[in-house]
C-alpha cells in the first residue's frame, strides 16, 4: 500500500516537473522576442534623440516593425510601434513649455519615455 502511494506521489511530482521544464524551454523564445522589441524601441529613441530639437515634430506616428528571423527557421511577428511627441511641462505649473518635449514610444506592450529640451 505504501509503495502504491509513493508511486502516485512520484507521478504527480514528475508531471509537475515535466510541465515546469517545458515552460522553461519556451522561455528563451519569449525572452528573445522581448529583447528584440526593446532593441527596436531603443533604436527608434536613439534615432529621435540625435535630431535637433526643432526637427522632432510634435505629433503621433505609427509604423510596423518585424520581430524574428525567418531565415533561421523562426517565425516573424509584426508589431505596431507608436511614437508620440508632445510639449511637456517643465516647472509643474500645468502649462506645456515650448522648450521641452516628451517622446513616448510604445511597441509590443512596452513603453519608453524621455524628455528633450531645446
Protein backbone atom coordinates (compact mmCIF):
# COMPACT_ATOMS: atom_id res chain seq x y z
CA UNK A 1 0.00 0.00 0.00
CA UNK A 2 2.80 2.43 0.91
CA UNK A 3 4.56 1.65 -2.35
CA UNK A 4 1.39 2.44 -4.30
CA UNK A 5 1.03 5.81 -2.53
CA UNK A 6 4.71 6.55 -3.23
CA UNK A 7 4.27 5.75 -6.94
CA UNK A 8 1.22 8.04 -7.15
CA UNK A 9 3.09 10.89 -5.40
CA UNK A 10 6.11 10.47 -7.67
CA UNK A 11 3.83 10.50 -10.71
CA UNK A 12 2.25 13.79 -9.62
CA UNK A 13 5.62 15.38 -8.85
CA UNK A 14 7.07 14.08 -12.12
CA UNK A 15 4.19 15.51 -14.16
CA UNK A 16 4.57 18.91 -12.48
CA UNK A 17 8.33 18.87 -13.05
CA UNK A 18 7.82 17.98 -16.70
CA UNK A 19 5.46 20.91 -17.20
CA UNK A 20 7.95 23.23 -15.50
CA UNK A 21 10.74 22.04 -17.80
CA UNK A 22 8.55 22.60 -20.85
CA UNK A 23 7.75 26.14 -19.68
CA UNK A 24 11.46 26.84 -19.17
CA UNK A 25 12.20 25.53 -22.66
CA UNK A 26 9.75 28.05 -24.15
CA UNK A 27 11.09 30.95 -22.08
CA UNK A 28 14.19 31.70 -24.22
CA UNK A 29 11.98 32.31 -27.27
CA UNK A 30 9.77 34.74 -25.33
CA UNK A 31 12.82 36.43 -23.79
CA UNK A 32 14.40 36.80 -27.23
CA UNK A 33 11.21 38.33 -28.60
CA UNK A 34 11.06 40.79 -25.68
CA UNK A 35 14.72 41.68 -26.24
CA UNK A 36 14.11 42.32 -29.96
CA UNK A 37 11.14 44.59 -29.17
CA UNK A 38 13.24 46.52 -26.65
CA UNK A 39 16.01 46.85 -29.24
CA UNK A 40 13.56 48.29 -31.77
CA UNK A 41 12.29 50.82 -29.21
CA UNK A 42 15.81 51.86 -28.18
CA UNK A 43 16.87 52.18 -31.83
CA UNK A 44 13.94 54.48 -32.60
CA UNK A 45 14.57 56.53 -29.44
CA UNK A 46 18.24 56.98 -30.40
CA UNK A 47 17.19 57.99 -33.90
CA UNK A 48 14.95 60.73 -32.49
CA UNK A 49 17.38 61.87 -29.79
CA UNK A 50 20.16 62.54 -32.32
CA UNK A 51 17.96 65.00 -34.23
CA UNK A 52 17.85 68.70 -33.45
CA UNK A 53 15.11 69.91 -31.12
CA UNK A 54 13.29 71.65 -33.97
CA UNK A 55 13.42 68.53 -36.16
CA UNK A 56 11.50 66.46 -33.58
CA UNK A 57 7.96 67.42 -34.57
CA UNK A 58 5.07 67.34 -32.11
CA UNK A 59 2.55 64.68 -33.13
CA UNK A 60 1.99 60.95 -33.39
CA UNK A 61 3.21 58.39 -35.91
CA UNK A 62 2.57 54.67 -36.34
CA UNK A 63 4.76 52.12 -38.06
CA UNK A 64 5.05 48.34 -38.22
CA UNK A 65 8.17 46.52 -37.07
CA UNK A 66 9.00 42.88 -37.67
CA UNK A 67 10.38 40.71 -34.88
CA UNK A 68 12.02 37.36 -35.60
CA UNK A 69 14.13 35.89 -38.36
CA UNK A 70 12.57 33.63 -40.97
CA UNK A 71 15.99 32.85 -42.47
CA UNK A 72 16.88 30.68 -39.48
CA UNK A 73 13.52 28.94 -39.34
CA UNK A 74 11.97 31.31 -36.83
CA UNK A 75 8.56 32.87 -37.03
CA UNK A 76 8.25 36.55 -37.89
CA UNK A 77 5.74 38.60 -35.92
CA UNK A 78 4.67 42.14 -36.69
CA UNK A 79 4.07 44.78 -34.04
CA UNK A 80 2.75 48.31 -34.29
CA UNK A 81 5.16 50.94 -32.99
CA UNK A 82 3.63 54.25 -31.91
CA UNK A 83 5.75 57.36 -31.41
CA UNK A 84 4.12 60.29 -29.61
CA UNK A 85 5.91 63.62 -29.27
CA UNK A 86 4.27 66.30 -27.16
CA UNK A 87 5.22 69.51 -25.40
CA UNK A 88 5.91 68.89 -21.72
CA UNK A 89 5.51 70.93 -18.53
CA UNK A 90 8.96 71.67 -17.11
CA UNK A 91 8.03 73.50 -13.93
CA UNK A 92 4.75 71.87 -12.91
CA UNK A 93 2.53 74.91 -13.48
CA UNK A 94 0.19 72.93 -15.76
CA UNK A 95 1.27 74.77 -18.90
CA UNK A 96 3.31 72.96 -21.56
CA UNK A 97 6.60 74.68 -22.32
CA UNK A 98 7.75 75.29 -25.89
CA UNK A 99 11.32 74.35 -24.94
CA UNK A 100 10.60 70.87 -23.58
CA UNK A 101 9.28 67.86 -25.49
CA UNK A 102 8.29 64.42 -24.23
CA UNK A 103 8.88 61.45 -26.52
CA UNK A 104 6.97 58.21 -25.80
CA UNK A 105 7.50 55.08 -27.89
CA UNK A 106 5.22 52.06 -27.46
CA UNK A 107 5.66 48.67 -29.11
CA UNK A 108 4.61 45.16 -28.10
CA UNK A 109 3.16 46.30 -24.77
CA UNK A 110 6.38 48.08 -23.75
CA UNK A 111 6.84 51.84 -23.48
CA UNK A 112 9.90 54.06 -23.22
CA UNK A 113 9.64 57.80 -22.46
CA UNK A 114 12.22 60.58 -22.40
CA UNK A 115 12.41 64.36 -22.37
CA UNK A 116 14.42 66.62 -24.68
CA UNK A 117 14.96 70.32 -24.33
CA UNK A 118 15.85 72.98 -26.83
